[in-house]
Amino acid sequence: MDATVLATAIGFLVLLIAVVFAIGHYRRERVRKRVIGEMQRRRLYEFSRPRH
């Protein structure tokens, strides 16, 4: 196998792994922000609701 082909394959593989990690991290952050937003909204609703 040629060295340039090997280097290209390794570089492409590293790039692919980096992209997958970035997408996974981005989606996890979005889910976490949404969960935190829901919790804050629920807390605000609990505070704003008149207590009987």
PDB file of N, CA and C in Angstrom:
ATOM      1  N   MET A   1       0.854  -1.191   0.000  1.00  0.00           N
ATOM      2  CA  MET A   1       0.000   0.000   0.000  1.00  0.00           C
ATOM      3  C   MET A   1       0.891   1.243   0.000  1.00  0.00           C
ATOM      4  N   ASP A   2       0.491   2.224  -0.776  1.00  0.00           N
ATOM      5  CA  ASP A   2       1.291   3.441  -0.881  1.00  0.00           C
ATOM      6  C   ASP A   2       1.155   4.282   0.390  1.00  0.00           C
ATOM      7  N   ALA A   3       2.230   4.987   0.719  1.00  0.00           N
ATOM      8  CA  ALA A   3       2.232   5.785   1.951  1.00  0.00           C
ATOM      9  C   ALA A   3       1.243   6.945   1.849  1.00  0.00           C
ATOM     10  N   THR A   4       1.143   7.560   0.669  1.00  0.00           N
ATOM     11  CA  THR A   4       0.228   8.696   0.516  1.00  0.00           C
ATOM     12  C   THR A   4      -1.217   8.232   0.659  1.00  0.00           C
ATOM     13  N   VAL A   5      -1.516   7.045   0.123  1.00  0.00           N
ATOM     14  CA  VAL A   5      -2.879   6.510   0.240  1.00  0.00           C
ATOM     15  C   VAL A   5      -3.190   6.239   1.707  1.00  0.00           C
ATOM     16  N   LEU A   6      -2.219   5.677   2.409  1.00  0.00           N
ATOM     17  CA  LEU A   6      -2.400   5.386   3.830  1.00  0.00           C
ATOM     18  C   LEU A   6      -2.607   6.681   4.622  1.00  0.00           C
ATOM     19  N   ALA A   7      -1.792   7.687   4.334  1.00  0.00           N
ATOM     20  CA  ALA A   7      -1.907   8.966   5.038  1.00  0.00           C
ATOM     21  C   ALA A   7      -3.259   9.610   4.750  1.00  0.00           C
ATOM     22  N   THR A   8      -3.703   9.538   3.494  1.00  0.00           N
ATOM     23  CA  THR A   8      -5.000  10.112   3.138  1.00  0.00           C
ATOM     24  C   THR A   8      -6.123   9.385   3.862  1.00  0.00           C
ATOM     25  N   ALA A   9      -6.033   8.054   3.918  1.00  0.00           N
ATOM     26  CA  ALA A   9      -7.066   7.269   4.595  1.00  0.00           C
ATOM     27  C   ALA A   9      -7.106   7.599   6.081  1.00  0.00           C
ATOM     28  N   ILE A  10      -5.934   7.714   6.699  1.00  0.00           N
ATOM     29  CA  ILE A  10      -5.884   8.035   8.133  1.00  0.00           C
ATOM     30  C   ILE A  10      -6.437   9.437   8.373  1.00  0.00           C
ATOM     31  N   GLY A  11      -6.058  10.386   7.532  1.00  0.00           N
ATOM     32  CA  GLY A  11      -6.554  11.748   7.678  1.00  0.00           C
ATOM     33  C   GLY A  11      -8.063  11.813   7.517  1.00  0.00           C
ATOM     34  N   PHE A  12      -8.593  11.088   6.539  1.00  0.00           N
ATOM     35  CA  PHE A  12     -10.033  11.073   6.310  1.00  0.00           C
ATOM     36  C   PHE A  12     -10.753  10.443   7.494  1.00  0.00           C
ATOM     37  N   LEU A  13     -10.184   9.370   8.029  1.00  0.00           N
ATOM     38  CA  LEU A  13     -10.784   8.679   9.172  1.00  0.00           C
ATOM     39  C   LEU A  13     -10.819   9.597  10.393  1.00  0.00           C
ATOM     40  N   VAL A  14      -9.703  10.297  10.637  1.00  0.00           N
ATOM     41  CA  VAL A  14      -9.653  11.225  11.772  1.00  0.00           C
ATOM     42  C   VAL A  14     -10.682  12.331  11.592  1.00  0.00           C
ATOM     43  N   LEU A  15     -10.796  12.857  10.380  1.00  0.00           N
ATOM     44  CA  LEU A  15     -11.768  13.909  10.099  1.00  0.00           C
ATOM     45  C   LEU A  15     -13.185  13.405  10.338  1.00  0.00           C
ATOM     46  N   LEU A  16     -13.464  12.192   9.877  1.00  0.00           N
ATOM     47  CA  LEU A  16     -14.795  11.603  10.039  1.00  0.00           C
ATOM     48  C   LEU A  16     -15.128  11.441  11.521  1.00  0.00           C
ATOM     49  N   ILE A  17     -14.169  10.935  12.285  1.00  0.00           N
ATOM     50  CA  ILE A  17     -14.394  10.750  13.727  1.00  0.00           C
ATOM     51  C   ILE A  17     -14.626  12.099  14.403  1.00  0.00           C
ATOM     52  N   ALA A  18     -13.858  13.115  14.003  1.00  0.00           N
ATOM     53  CA  ALA A  18     -14.020  14.444  14.588  1.00  0.00           C
ATOM     54  C   ALA A  18     -15.408  14.998  14.281  1.00  0.00           C
ATOM     55  N   VAL A  19     -15.889  14.801  13.053  1.00  0.00           N
ATOM     56  CA  VAL A  19     -17.220  15.286  12.669  1.00  0.00           C
ATOM     57  C   VAL A  19     -18.295  14.576  13.492  1.00  0.00           C
ATOM     58  N   VAL A  20     -18.161  13.258  13.630  1.00  0.00           N
ATOM     59  CA  VAL A  20     -19.146  12.494  14.410  1.00  0.00           C
ATOM     60  C   VAL A  20     -19.153  12.975  15.861  1.00  0.00           C
ATOM     61  N   PHE A  21     -17.976  13.200  16.438  1.00  0.00           N
ATOM     62  CA  PHE A  21     -17.901  13.686  17.816  1.00  0.00           C
ATOM     63  C   PHE A  21     -18.539  15.062  17.938  1.00  0.00           C
ATOM     64  N   ALA A  22     -18.278  15.938  16.952  1.00  0.00           N
ATOM     65  CA  ALA A  22     -18.828  17.289  17.000  1.00  0.00           C
ATOM     66  C   ALA A  22     -20.350  17.255  16.918  1.00  0.00           C
ATOM     67  N   ILE A  23     -20.889  16.432  16.023  1.00  0.00           N
ATOM     68  CA  ILE A  23     -22.346  16.331  15.878  1.00  0.00           C
ATOM     69  C   ILE A  23     -22.955  15.771  17.163  1.00  0.00           C
ATOM     70  N   GLY A  24     -22.341  14.738  17.718  1.00  0.00           N
ATOM     71  CA  GLY A  24     -22.849  14.153  18.957  1.00  0.00           C
ATOM     72  C   GLY A  24     -22.835  15.161  20.093  1.00  0.00           C
ATOM     73  N   HIS A  25     -21.760  15.927  20.202  1.00  0.00           N
ATOM     74  CA  HIS A  25     -21.651  16.930  21.257  1.00  0.00           C
ATOM     75  C   HIS A  25     -22.700  18.020  21.063  1.00  0.00           C
ATOM     76  N   TYR A  26     -22.898  18.474  19.803  1.00  0.00           N
ATOM     77  CA  TYR A  26     -23.863  19.527  19.507  1.00  0.00           C
ATOM     78  C   TYR A  26     -25.275  19.080  19.871  1.00  0.00           C
ATOM     79  N   ARG A  27     -25.625  17.837  19.475  1.00  0.00           N
ATOM     80  CA  ARG A  27     -26.967  17.346  19.776  1.00  0.00           C
ATOM     81  C   ARG A  27     -27.166  17.184  21.275  1.00  0.00           C
ATOM     82  N   ARG A  28     -26.118  16.710  21.982  1.00  0.00           N
ATOM     83  CA  ARG A  28     -26.235  16.538  23.431  1.00  0.00           C
ATOM     84  C   ARG A  28     -26.420  17.900  24.113  1.00  0.00           C
ATOM     85  N   GLU A  29     -25.694  18.923  23.637  1.00  0.00           N
ATOM     86  CA  GLU A  29     -25.841  20.257  24.213  1.00  0.00           C
ATOM     87  C   GLU A  29     -27.253  20.789  23.982  1.00  0.00           C
ATOM     88  N   ARG A  30     -27.788  20.562  22.764  1.00  0.00           N
ATOM     89  CA  ARG A  30     -29.143  21.034  22.469  1.00  0.00           C
ATOM     90  C   ARG A  30     -30.159  20.366  23.382  1.00  0.00           C
ATOM     91  N   VAL A  31     -30.008  19.050  23.567  1.00  0.00           N
ATOM     92  CA  VAL A  31     -30.942  18.327  24.437  1.00  0.00           C
ATOM     93  C   VAL A  31     -30.825  18.846  25.866  1.00  0.00           C
ATOM     94  N   ARG A  32     -29.587  19.070  26.323  1.00  0.00           N
ATOM     95  CA  ARG A  32     -29.381  19.549  27.691  1.00  0.00           C
ATOM     96  C   ARG A  32     -29.996  20.933  27.876  1.00  0.00           C
ATOM     97  N   LYS A  33     -29.818  21.828  26.893  1.00  0.00           N
ATOM     98  CA  LYS A  33     -30.399  23.165  26.991  1.00  0.00           C
ATOM     99  C   LYS A  33     -31.917  23.091  27.015  1.00  0.00           C
ATOM    100  N   ARG A  34     -32.487  22.188  26.207  1.00  0.00           N
ATOM    101  CA  ARG A  34     -33.940  22.057  26.164  1.00  0.00           C
ATOM    102  C   ARG A  34     -34.465  21.553  27.503  1.00  0.00           C
ATOM    103  N   VAL A  35     -33.760  20.580  28.087  1.00  0.00           N
ATOM    104  CA  VAL A  35     -34.182  20.043  29.386  1.00  0.00           C
ATOM    105  C   VAL A  35     -34.093  21.124  30.453  1.00  0.00           C
ATOM    106  N   ILE A  36     -33.004  21.893  30.445  1.00  0.00           N
ATOM    107  CA  ILE A  36     -32.846  22.971  31.427  1.00  0.00           C
ATOM    108  C   ILE A  36     -33.935  24.024  31.215  1.00  0.00           C
ATOM    109  N   GLY A  37     -34.242  24.355  29.969  1.00  0.00           N
ATOM    110  CA  GLY A  37     -35.298  25.321  29.673  1.00  0.00           C
ATOM    111  C   GLY A  37     -36.648  24.845  30.179  1.00  0.00           C
ATOM    112  N   GLU A  38     -36.944  23.563  29.972  1.00  0.00           N
ATOM    113  CA  GLU A  38     -38.207  23.005  30.462  1.00  0.00           C
ATOM    114  C   GLU A  38     -38.273  23.084  31.984  1.00  0.00           C
ATOM    115  N   MET A  39     -37.169  22.758  32.642  1.00  0.00           N
ATOM    116  CA  MET A  39     -37.148  22.796  34.106  1.00  0.00           C
ATOM    117  C   MET A  39     -37.356  24.217  34.613  1.00  0.00           C
ATOM    118  N   GLN A  40     -36.704  25.192  33.973  1.00  0.00           N
ATOM    119  CA  GLN A  40     -36.857  26.581  34.390  1.00  0.00           C
ATOM    120  C   GLN A  40     -38.282  27.058  34.158  1.00  0.00           C
ATOM    121  N   ARG A  41     -38.871  26.663  33.017  1.00  0.00           N
ATOM    122  CA  ARG A  41     -40.239  27.067  32.713  1.00  0.00           C
ATOM    123  C   ARG A  41     -41.195  26.475  33.746  1.00  0.00           C
ATOM    124  N   ARG A  42     -40.973  25.205  34.101  1.00  0.00           N
ATOM    125  CA  ARG A  42     -41.833  24.554  35.086  1.00  0.00           C
ATOM    126  C   ARG A  42     -41.698  25.243  36.448  1.00  0.00           C
ATOM    127  N   ARG A  43     -40.460  25.630  36.786  1.00  0.00           N
ATOM    128  CA  ARG A  43     -40.233  26.299  38.062  1.00  0.00           C
ATOM    129  C   ARG A  43     -40.923  27.664  38.074  1.00  0.00           C
ATOM    130  N   LEU A  44     -40.818  28.401  36.959  1.00  0.00           N
ATOM    131  CA  LEU A  44     -41.492  29.694  36.871  1.00  0.00           C
ATOM    132  C   LEU A  44     -43.000  29.509  36.977  1.00  0.00           C
ATOM    133  N   TYR A  45     -43.517  28.462  36.350  1.00  0.00           N
ATOM    134  CA  TYR A  45     -44.951  28.191  36.408  1.00  0.00           C
ATOM    135  C   TYR A  45     -45.370  27.890  37.847  1.00  0.00           C
ATOM    136  N   GLU A  46     -44.538  27.117  38.548  1.00  0.00           N
ATOM    137  CA  GLU A  46     -44.840  26.791  39.946  1.00  0.00           C
ATOM    138  C   GLU A  46     -44.840  28.066  40.796  1.00  0.00           C
ATOM    139  N   PHE A  47     -43.881  28.972  40.533  1.00  0.00           N
ATOM    140  CA  PHE A  47     -43.802  30.201  41.321  1.00  0.00           C
ATOM    141  C   PHE A  47     -44.955  31.143  40.998  1.00  0.00           C
ATOM    142  N   SER A  48     -45.334  31.235  39.720  1.00  0.00           N
ATOM    143  CA  SER A  48     -46.351  32.202  39.315  1.00  0.00           C
ATOM    144  C   SER A  48     -47.757  31.718  39.646  1.00  0.00           C
ATOM    145  N   ARG A  49     -47.912  30.416  39.873  1.00  0.00           N
ATOM    146  CA  ARG A  49     -49.245  29.886  40.162  1.00  0.00           C
ATOM    147  C   ARG A  49     -49.666  30.324  41.567  1.00  0.00           C
ATOM    148  N   PRO A  50     -50.851  30.875  41.719  1.00  0.00           N
ATOM    149  CA  PRO A  50     -51.303  31.292  43.061  1.00  0.00           C
ATOM    150  C   PRO A  50     -51.474  30.083  43.971  1.00  0.00           C
ATOM    151  N   ARG A  51     -51.017  30.230  45.200  1.00  0.00           N
ATOM    152  CA  ARG A  51     -51.105  29.112  46.147  1.00  0.00           C
ATOM    153  C   ARG A  51     -52.403  29.224  46.944  1.00  0.00           C
ATOM    154  N   HIS A  52     -53.137  28.144  46.937  1.00  0.00           N
ATOM    155  CA  HIS A  52     -54.401  28.127  47.685  1.00  0.00           C
ATOM    156  C   HIS A  52     -54.248  27.218  48.882  1.00  0.00           C
TER     157      HIS A  52
END
